[in-house]
Amino acid sequence: AVVSTQSTGNLRQLVLVITSFFQSTLHSMATFTKCELEQLFKEMDTNKNGKISVRELMAYLKSDKRKMDEAKANSMFKAADSNKDGVLDFDEFCKMFNNAS
């Protein structure tokens, strides 16, 4: 798939918002398109199993040189994991953002 410079900029913005999500309140979250969320989900899902683990989330944020409180990230992740299987599928990932807006 071809990613335009515009899309890359939007993805960077989305990463910044995710960092803020785990470090601050949910009320400051911006709204993103399903396409933007799909791009981010695919990038975070390093083992390509269609799910994001806490480990994948933390690795992604660390690779982007973002500092984050791991306990806070775990807490937010668990809250988003509605079926309590220890991973986020795409629907749970999207709901995490929808609930924040």
C-alpha atoms as a PDB file:
ATOM      1  CA  ALA A   1       0.000   0.000   0.000  1.00  0.00           C
ATOM      2  CA  VAL A   2       1.132   3.507  -0.755  1.00  0.00           C
ATOM      3  CA  VAL A   3       1.176   5.928   2.150  1.00  0.00           C
ATOM      4  CA  SER A   4       1.200   9.603   1.282  1.00  0.00           C
ATOM      5  CA  THR A   5       3.133  12.219   3.197  1.00  0.00           C
ATOM      6  CA  GLN A   6      -0.222  13.475   4.452  1.00  0.00           C
ATOM      7  CA  SER A   7      -1.083  10.009   5.820  1.00  0.00           C
ATOM      8  CA  THR A   8       2.329   9.695   7.449  1.00  0.00           C
ATOM      9  CA  GLY A   9       1.786  13.040   9.165  1.00  0.00           C
ATOM     10  CA  ASN A  10      -1.636  11.903  10.352  1.00  0.00           C
ATOM     11  CA  LEU A  11      -0.147   8.657  11.668  1.00  0.00           C
ATOM     12  CA  ARG A  12       2.481  10.607  13.627  1.00  0.00           C
ATOM     13  CA  GLN A  13      -0.306  12.759  15.046  1.00  0.00           C
ATOM     14  CA  LEU A  14      -2.206   9.629  16.015  1.00  0.00           C
ATOM     15  CA  VAL A  15       0.851   8.266  17.846  1.00  0.00           C
ATOM     16  CA  LEU A  16       1.071  11.499  19.805  1.00  0.00           C
ATOM     17  CA  VAL A  17      -2.591  11.231  20.736  1.00  0.00           C
ATOM     18  CA  ILE A  18      -2.149   7.621  21.864  1.00  0.00           C
ATOM     19  CA  THR A  19       0.714   8.674  24.099  1.00  0.00           C
ATOM     20  CA  SER A  20      -1.456  11.387  25.586  1.00  0.00           C
ATOM     21  CA  PHE A  21      -4.273   8.886  26.010  1.00  0.00           C
ATOM     22  CA  PHE A  22      -2.182   6.713  28.283  1.00  0.00           C
ATOM     23  CA  GLN A  23      -0.662   9.634  30.170  1.00  0.00           C
ATOM     24  CA  SER A  24      -3.668  11.899  30.721  1.00  0.00           C
ATOM     25  CA  THR A  25      -7.451  11.960  30.778  1.00  0.00           C
ATOM     26  CA  LEU A  26      -9.573  10.476  28.035  1.00  0.00           C
ATOM     27  CA  HIS A  27     -11.448  13.699  27.377  1.00  0.00           C
ATOM     28  CA  SER A  28      -8.688  15.347  25.347  1.00  0.00           C
ATOM     29  CA  MET A  29      -8.683  12.632  22.659  1.00  0.00           C
ATOM     30  CA  ALA A  30      -9.270  13.709  19.066  1.00  0.00           C
ATOM     31  CA  THR A  31     -11.433  11.737  16.644  1.00  0.00           C
ATOM     32  CA  PHE A  32      -9.722   9.691  13.917  1.00  0.00           C
ATOM     33  CA  THR A  33     -11.051   7.891  10.891  1.00  0.00           C
ATOM     34  CA  LYS A  34     -11.405   4.135  10.734  1.00  0.00           C
ATOM     35  CA  CYS A  35      -8.720   4.106   8.026  1.00  0.00           C
ATOM     36  CA  GLU A  36      -6.253   5.921  10.301  1.00  0.00           C
ATOM     37  CA  LEU A  37      -7.001   3.527  13.144  1.00  0.00           C
ATOM     38  CA  GLU A  38      -6.551   0.538  10.803  1.00  0.00           C
ATOM     39  CA  GLN A  39      -3.134   1.852   9.746  1.00  0.00           C
ATOM     40  CA  LEU A  40      -2.015   2.274  13.328  1.00  0.00           C
ATOM     41  CA  PHE A  41      -3.434  -1.090  14.389  1.00  0.00           C
ATOM     42  CA  LYS A  42      -1.542  -2.860  11.586  1.00  0.00           C
ATOM     43  CA  GLU A  43       1.675  -1.088  12.502  1.00  0.00           C
ATOM     44  CA  MET A  44       1.338  -2.006  16.188  1.00  0.00           C
ATOM     45  CA  ASP A  45       0.385  -5.629  15.449  1.00  0.00           C
ATOM     46  CA  THR A  46       3.980  -6.768  14.884  1.00  0.00           C
ATOM     47  CA  ASN A  47       3.229 -10.501  14.917  1.00  0.00           C
ATOM     48  CA  LYS A  48       0.315  -9.975  12.475  1.00  0.00           C
ATOM     49  CA  ASN A  49      -2.154 -12.073  14.472  1.00  0.00           C
ATOM     50  CA  GLY A  50      -4.911  -9.451  14.287  1.00  0.00           C
ATOM     51  CA  LYS A  51      -4.593  -8.525  17.953  1.00  0.00           C
ATOM     52  CA  ILE A  52      -2.482  -6.087  19.973  1.00  0.00           C
ATOM     53  CA  SER A  53      -0.881  -7.177  23.222  1.00  0.00           C
ATOM     54  CA  VAL A  54       0.335  -4.845  25.955  1.00  0.00           C
ATOM     55  CA  ARG A  55       3.867  -5.842  24.916  1.00  0.00           C
ATOM     56  CA  GLU A  56       3.228  -4.778  21.297  1.00  0.00           C
ATOM     57  CA  LEU A  57       1.724  -1.492  22.439  1.00  0.00           C
ATOM     58  CA  MET A  58       4.666  -0.711  24.718  1.00  0.00           C
ATOM     59  CA  ALA A  59       7.213  -1.732  22.078  1.00  0.00           C
ATOM     60  CA  TYR A  60       5.528   0.533  19.545  1.00  0.00           C
ATOM     61  CA  LEU A  61       5.506   3.506  21.880  1.00  0.00           C
ATOM     62  CA  LYS A  62       9.129   2.916  22.901  1.00  0.00           C
ATOM     63  CA  SER A  63      10.164   2.645  19.251  1.00  0.00           C
ATOM     64  CA  ASP A  64       8.704   6.098  18.726  1.00  0.00           C
ATOM     65  CA  LYS A  65      10.735   7.310  21.726  1.00  0.00           C
ATOM     66  CA  ARG A  66       7.675   8.020  23.851  1.00  0.00           C
ATOM     67  CA  LYS A  67       7.978   7.765  27.610  1.00  0.00           C
ATOM     68  CA  MET A  68       5.039   6.248  29.354  1.00  0.00           C
ATOM     69  CA  ASP A  69       4.076   4.961  32.774  1.00  0.00           C
ATOM     70  CA  GLU A  70       3.797   1.209  32.225  1.00  0.00           C
ATOM     71  CA  ALA A  71       1.303   0.737  35.073  1.00  0.00           C
ATOM     72  CA  LYS A  72      -0.989   3.383  33.566  1.00  0.00           C
ATOM     73  CA  ALA A  73      -0.700   1.798  30.110  1.00  0.00           C
ATOM     74  CA  ASN A  74      -1.578  -1.625  31.553  1.00  0.00           C
ATOM     75  CA  SER A  75      -4.577  -0.173  33.379  1.00  0.00           C
ATOM     76  CA  MET A  76      -5.939   1.559  30.266  1.00  0.00           C
ATOM     77  CA  PHE A  77      -5.288  -1.539  28.176  1.00  0.00           C
ATOM     78  CA  LYS A  78      -7.191  -3.761  30.610  1.00  0.00           C
ATOM     79  CA  ALA A  79     -10.123  -1.339  30.602  1.00  0.00           C
ATOM     80  CA  ALA A  80     -10.284  -1.514  26.787  1.00  0.00           C
ATOM     81  CA  ASP A  81     -10.035  -5.333  26.763  1.00  0.00           C
ATOM     82  CA  SER A  82     -13.784  -5.907  27.034  1.00  0.00           C
ATOM     83  CA  ASN A  83     -13.663  -9.705  26.640  1.00  0.00           C
ATOM     84  CA  LYS A  84     -10.691  -9.987  29.056  1.00  0.00           C
ATOM     85  CA  ASP A  85      -8.590 -12.171  26.758  1.00  0.00           C
ATOM     86  CA  GLY A  86      -5.428 -10.137  27.349  1.00  0.00           C
ATOM     87  CA  VAL A  87      -5.271  -8.632  23.839  1.00  0.00           C
ATOM     88  CA  LEU A  88      -7.128  -5.968  21.884  1.00  0.00           C
ATOM     89  CA  ASP A  89      -8.827  -6.913  18.651  1.00  0.00           C
ATOM     90  CA  PHE A  90      -9.568  -4.138  16.176  1.00  0.00           C
ATOM     91  CA  ASP A  91     -13.081  -3.500  17.533  1.00  0.00           C
ATOM     92  CA  GLU A  92     -11.777  -3.101  21.095  1.00  0.00           C
ATOM     93  CA  PHE A  93      -8.992  -0.866  19.796  1.00  0.00           C
ATOM     94  CA  CYS A  94     -11.562   1.356  18.047  1.00  0.00           C
ATOM     95  CA  LYS A  95     -13.866   1.418  21.069  1.00  0.00           C
ATOM     96  CA  MET A  96     -10.944   2.621  23.170  1.00  0.00           C
ATOM     97  CA  PHE A  97     -10.836   5.731  20.949  1.00  0.00           C
ATOM     98  CA  ASN A  98     -14.609   6.146  20.593  1.00  0.00           C
ATOM     99  CA  ASN A  99     -15.071   6.056  24.362  1.00  0.00           C
ATOM    100  CA  ALA A 100     -12.377   8.690  24.751  1.00  0.00           C
ATOM    101  CA  SER A 101     -13.985  11.291  22.516  1.00  0.00           C
END
